[in-house]
Amino acid sequence: MANDPPRRPRTLNDARTEAEAAFKKATAKTAAPLPKQAAAIPGVREQVTLRIDQDVLEYFQEGGPGWQDRINEALRKAAGK
């Protein structure tokens, strides 16, 4: 390192610095505006993926059709609604 030639400091007029700055501006990603969320409409359901323990799922499915409604009602009750 003692034998390395001294590095030339970059200046604002340095072509490489200017090129890098121009490239950075051209490739910089701008944050996309977040879409406005519509107000929740009462009674409209949304499809989601939910992981539930097998024994809990079996409990609700034992009652036959309507098990998803029963899970929804139990969640509403737990949420205090």
N, C-alpha and C. Protein backbone atom coordinates (compact mmCIF):
# COMPACT_ATOMS: atom_id res chain seq x y z
N MET A 1 0.80 -1.19 0.00
CA MET A 1 0.00 0.00 0.00
C MET A 1 0.85 1.26 0.00
N ALA A 2 2.02 1.13 0.53
CA ALA A 2 2.91 2.29 0.55
C ALA A 2 3.35 2.65 -0.86
N ASN A 3 3.36 1.66 -1.77
CA ASN A 3 3.80 1.89 -3.14
C ASN A 3 2.65 2.26 -4.07
N ASP A 4 1.39 2.20 -3.58
CA ASP A 4 0.24 2.55 -4.42
C ASP A 4 0.24 4.04 -4.69
N PRO A 5 -0.06 4.40 -5.95
CA PRO A 5 -0.13 5.84 -6.24
C PRO A 5 -1.32 6.45 -5.49
N PRO A 6 -1.22 7.69 -5.11
CA PRO A 6 -2.33 8.33 -4.40
C PRO A 6 -3.57 8.41 -5.30
N ARG A 7 -4.71 8.19 -4.72
CA ARG A 7 -5.95 8.26 -5.50
C ARG A 7 -6.35 9.71 -5.70
N ARG A 8 -6.87 9.95 -6.90
CA ARG A 8 -7.34 11.29 -7.21
C ARG A 8 -8.75 11.44 -6.64
N PRO A 9 -8.99 12.42 -5.80
CA PRO A 9 -10.34 12.58 -5.25
C PRO A 9 -11.33 12.94 -6.35
N ARG A 10 -12.52 12.40 -6.23
CA ARG A 10 -13.55 12.71 -7.21
C ARG A 10 -14.10 14.10 -6.94
N THR A 11 -14.42 14.76 -8.00
CA THR A 11 -15.01 16.09 -7.89
C THR A 11 -16.37 16.06 -8.55
N LEU A 12 -17.16 17.09 -8.35
CA LEU A 12 -18.48 17.16 -8.96
C LEU A 12 -18.39 17.16 -10.48
N ASN A 13 -17.29 17.60 -11.01
CA ASN A 13 -17.13 17.67 -12.47
C ASN A 13 -16.58 16.37 -13.05
N ASP A 14 -16.26 15.43 -12.21
CA ASP A 14 -15.73 14.16 -12.66
C ASP A 14 -16.80 13.46 -13.51
N ALA A 15 -16.45 13.03 -14.70
CA ALA A 15 -17.41 12.42 -15.63
C ALA A 15 -18.04 11.16 -15.03
N ARG A 16 -17.26 10.37 -14.35
CA ARG A 16 -17.82 9.13 -13.78
C ARG A 16 -18.85 9.46 -12.70
N THR A 17 -18.53 10.42 -11.85
CA THR A 17 -19.45 10.81 -10.80
C THR A 17 -20.75 11.33 -11.39
N GLU A 18 -20.64 12.14 -12.44
CA GLU A 18 -21.82 12.67 -13.09
C GLU A 18 -22.64 11.55 -13.74
N ALA A 19 -21.97 10.60 -14.37
CA ALA A 19 -22.67 9.49 -15.00
C ALA A 19 -23.38 8.64 -13.96
N GLU A 20 -22.72 8.37 -12.85
CA GLU A 20 -23.33 7.58 -11.79
C GLU A 20 -24.55 8.29 -11.21
N ALA A 21 -24.46 9.59 -11.03
CA ALA A 21 -25.58 10.36 -10.50
C ALA A 21 -26.75 10.33 -11.47
N ALA A 22 -26.47 10.47 -12.77
CA ALA A 22 -27.54 10.44 -13.78
C ALA A 22 -28.17 9.05 -13.84
N PHE A 23 -27.36 8.01 -13.75
CA PHE A 23 -27.88 6.64 -13.77
C PHE A 23 -28.76 6.39 -12.55
N LYS A 24 -28.30 6.86 -11.40
CA LYS A 24 -29.06 6.66 -10.17
C LYS A 24 -30.43 7.33 -10.27
N LYS A 25 -30.47 8.54 -10.83
CA LYS A 25 -31.75 9.24 -10.99
C LYS A 25 -32.66 8.49 -11.97
N ALA A 26 -32.08 7.96 -13.04
CA ALA A 26 -32.88 7.29 -14.06
C ALA A 26 -33.40 5.95 -13.60
N THR A 27 -32.70 5.30 -12.69
CA THR A 27 -33.10 3.96 -12.26
C THR A 27 -33.75 3.94 -10.88
N ALA A 28 -33.82 5.08 -10.23
CA ALA A 28 -34.41 5.12 -8.88
C ALA A 28 -35.90 4.81 -8.97
N LYS A 29 -36.33 3.92 -8.10
CA LYS A 29 -37.75 3.56 -8.07
C LYS A 29 -38.48 4.57 -7.19
N THR A 30 -39.57 5.06 -7.72
CA THR A 30 -40.39 5.95 -6.92
C THR A 30 -41.47 5.13 -6.25
N ALA A 31 -41.82 5.50 -5.07
CA ALA A 31 -42.85 4.78 -4.33
C ALA A 31 -44.19 4.98 -5.02
N ALA A 32 -44.84 3.89 -5.34
CA ALA A 32 -46.15 3.97 -5.96
C ALA A 32 -47.15 4.43 -4.91
N PRO A 33 -48.08 5.27 -5.30
CA PRO A 33 -49.07 5.70 -4.31
C PRO A 33 -49.90 4.51 -3.86
N LEU A 34 -50.17 4.47 -2.57
CA LEU A 34 -50.96 3.37 -2.03
C LEU A 34 -52.40 3.52 -2.49
N PRO A 35 -53.00 2.41 -2.91
CA PRO A 35 -54.40 2.51 -3.34
C PRO A 35 -55.29 2.82 -2.14
N LYS A 36 -56.29 3.62 -2.39
CA LYS A 36 -57.22 3.94 -1.31
C LYS A 36 -58.06 2.72 -1.01
N GLN A 37 -58.15 2.40 0.26
CA GLN A 37 -58.95 1.26 0.66
C GLN A 37 -60.40 1.71 0.80
N ALA A 38 -61.25 0.95 0.17
CA ALA A 38 -62.67 1.27 0.26
C ALA A 38 -63.15 0.97 1.67
N ALA A 39 -64.13 1.71 2.10
CA ALA A 39 -64.71 1.47 3.42
C ALA A 39 -65.34 0.08 3.43
N ALA A 40 -65.19 -0.59 4.56
CA ALA A 40 -65.76 -1.92 4.69
C ALA A 40 -67.28 -1.83 4.59
N ILE A 41 -67.83 -2.68 3.75
CA ILE A 41 -69.28 -2.72 3.57
C ILE A 41 -69.81 -3.82 4.48
N PRO A 42 -70.75 -3.49 5.34
CA PRO A 42 -71.29 -4.50 6.25
C PRO A 42 -71.88 -5.68 5.48
N GLY A 43 -71.60 -6.88 5.94
CA GLY A 43 -72.17 -8.08 5.33
C GLY A 43 -71.40 -8.62 4.14
N VAL A 44 -70.38 -7.90 3.68
CA VAL A 44 -69.58 -8.39 2.55
C VAL A 44 -68.41 -9.18 3.11
N ARG A 45 -68.23 -10.37 2.59
CA ARG A 45 -67.15 -11.23 3.09
C ARG A 45 -65.95 -11.18 2.16
N GLU A 46 -64.81 -11.41 2.74
CA GLU A 46 -63.57 -11.42 1.99
C GLU A 46 -62.92 -12.80 2.12
N GLN A 47 -62.46 -13.33 1.01
CA GLN A 47 -61.80 -14.63 1.03
C GLN A 47 -60.38 -14.47 1.54
N VAL A 48 -60.01 -15.29 2.51
CA VAL A 48 -58.66 -15.27 3.08
C VAL A 48 -58.17 -16.70 3.25
N THR A 49 -56.88 -16.84 3.46
CA THR A 49 -56.30 -18.13 3.80
C THR A 49 -55.96 -18.07 5.28
N LEU A 50 -56.39 -19.08 6.01
CA LEU A 50 -56.21 -19.08 7.45
C LEU A 50 -55.78 -20.46 7.89
N ARG A 51 -54.74 -20.55 8.68
CA ARG A 51 -54.28 -21.83 9.19
C ARG A 51 -54.89 -22.07 10.57
N ILE A 52 -55.62 -23.18 10.69
CA ILE A 52 -56.31 -23.52 11.93
C ILE A 52 -55.87 -24.92 12.33
N ASP A 53 -55.70 -25.14 13.62
CA ASP A 53 -55.34 -26.48 14.09
C ASP A 53 -56.40 -27.48 13.63
N GLN A 54 -55.94 -28.67 13.30
CA GLN A 54 -56.81 -29.72 12.75
C GLN A 54 -57.98 -30.03 13.68
N ASP A 55 -57.72 -30.12 14.98
CA ASP A 55 -58.80 -30.46 15.90
C ASP A 55 -59.87 -29.36 15.97
N VAL A 56 -59.45 -28.11 15.84
CA VAL A 56 -60.40 -27.00 15.83
C VAL A 56 -61.25 -27.05 14.57
N LEU A 57 -60.62 -27.30 13.44
CA LEU A 57 -61.34 -27.40 12.18
C LEU A 57 -62.35 -28.54 12.22
N GLU A 58 -61.93 -29.69 12.73
CA GLU A 58 -62.83 -30.83 12.83
C GLU A 58 -64.02 -30.52 13.72
N TYR A 59 -63.80 -29.76 14.80
CA TYR A 59 -64.88 -29.39 15.70
C TYR A 59 -65.98 -28.64 14.94
N PHE A 60 -65.57 -27.66 14.14
CA PHE A 60 -66.56 -26.87 13.41
C PHE A 60 -67.17 -27.66 12.25
N GLN A 61 -66.41 -28.56 11.65
CA GLN A 61 -66.93 -29.34 10.53
C GLN A 61 -67.87 -30.46 10.97
N GLU A 62 -67.80 -30.85 12.24
CA GLU A 62 -68.68 -31.91 12.75
C GLU A 62 -70.16 -31.56 12.56
N GLY A 63 -70.48 -30.30 12.59
CA GLY A 63 -71.87 -29.87 12.46
C GLY A 63 -72.37 -29.88 11.03
N GLY A 64 -71.54 -30.28 10.09
CA GLY A 64 -71.95 -30.34 8.69
C GLY A 64 -71.80 -29.00 7.99
N PRO A 65 -72.57 -28.85 6.89
CA PRO A 65 -72.47 -27.62 6.12
C PRO A 65 -72.72 -26.39 7.00
N GLY A 66 -72.05 -25.31 6.65
CA GLY A 66 -72.16 -24.08 7.42
C GLY A 66 -71.03 -23.91 8.42
N TRP A 67 -70.04 -24.79 8.35
CA TRP A 67 -68.94 -24.72 9.32
C TRP A 67 -68.16 -23.43 9.19
N GLN A 68 -68.05 -22.87 7.98
CA GLN A 68 -67.33 -21.61 7.83
C GLN A 68 -68.10 -20.47 8.51
N ASP A 69 -69.44 -20.51 8.41
CA ASP A 69 -70.26 -19.51 9.09
C ASP A 69 -70.09 -19.63 10.61
N ARG A 70 -69.99 -20.85 11.11
CA ARG A 70 -69.81 -21.06 12.54
C ARG A 70 -68.45 -20.53 13.00
N ILE A 71 -67.42 -20.73 12.20
CA ILE A 71 -66.10 -20.18 12.54
C ILE A 71 -66.18 -18.66 12.54
N ASN A 72 -66.84 -18.09 11.55
CA ASN A 72 -66.97 -16.64 11.46
C ASN A 72 -67.70 -16.09 12.69
N GLU A 73 -68.78 -16.76 13.10
CA GLU A 73 -69.53 -16.32 14.27
C GLU A 73 -68.68 -16.40 15.53
N ALA A 74 -67.89 -17.48 15.67
CA ALA A 74 -67.01 -17.62 16.83
C ALA A 74 -65.96 -16.51 16.85
N LEU A 75 -65.44 -16.16 15.68
CA LEU A 75 -64.45 -15.08 15.60
C LEU A 75 -65.08 -13.73 15.92
N ARG A 76 -66.31 -13.52 15.45
CA ARG A 76 -67.01 -12.28 15.78
C ARG A 76 -67.19 -12.14 17.29
N LYS A 77 -67.60 -13.24 17.91
CA LYS A 77 -67.83 -13.24 19.36
C LYS A 77 -66.51 -12.95 20.09
N ALA A 78 -65.42 -13.60 19.63
CA ALA A 78 -64.10 -13.37 20.26
C ALA A 78 -63.63 -11.93 20.07
N ALA A 79 -64.03 -11.31 18.95
CA ALA A 79 -63.65 -9.92 18.68
C ALA A 79 -64.55 -8.93 19.40
N GLY A 80 -65.58 -9.43 20.06
CA GLY A 80 -66.48 -8.55 20.78
C GLY A 80 -67.46 -7.82 19.89
N LYS A 81 -67.81 -8.43 18.79
CA LYS A 81 -68.74 -7.78 17.84
C LYS A 81 -70.04 -8.50 17.80
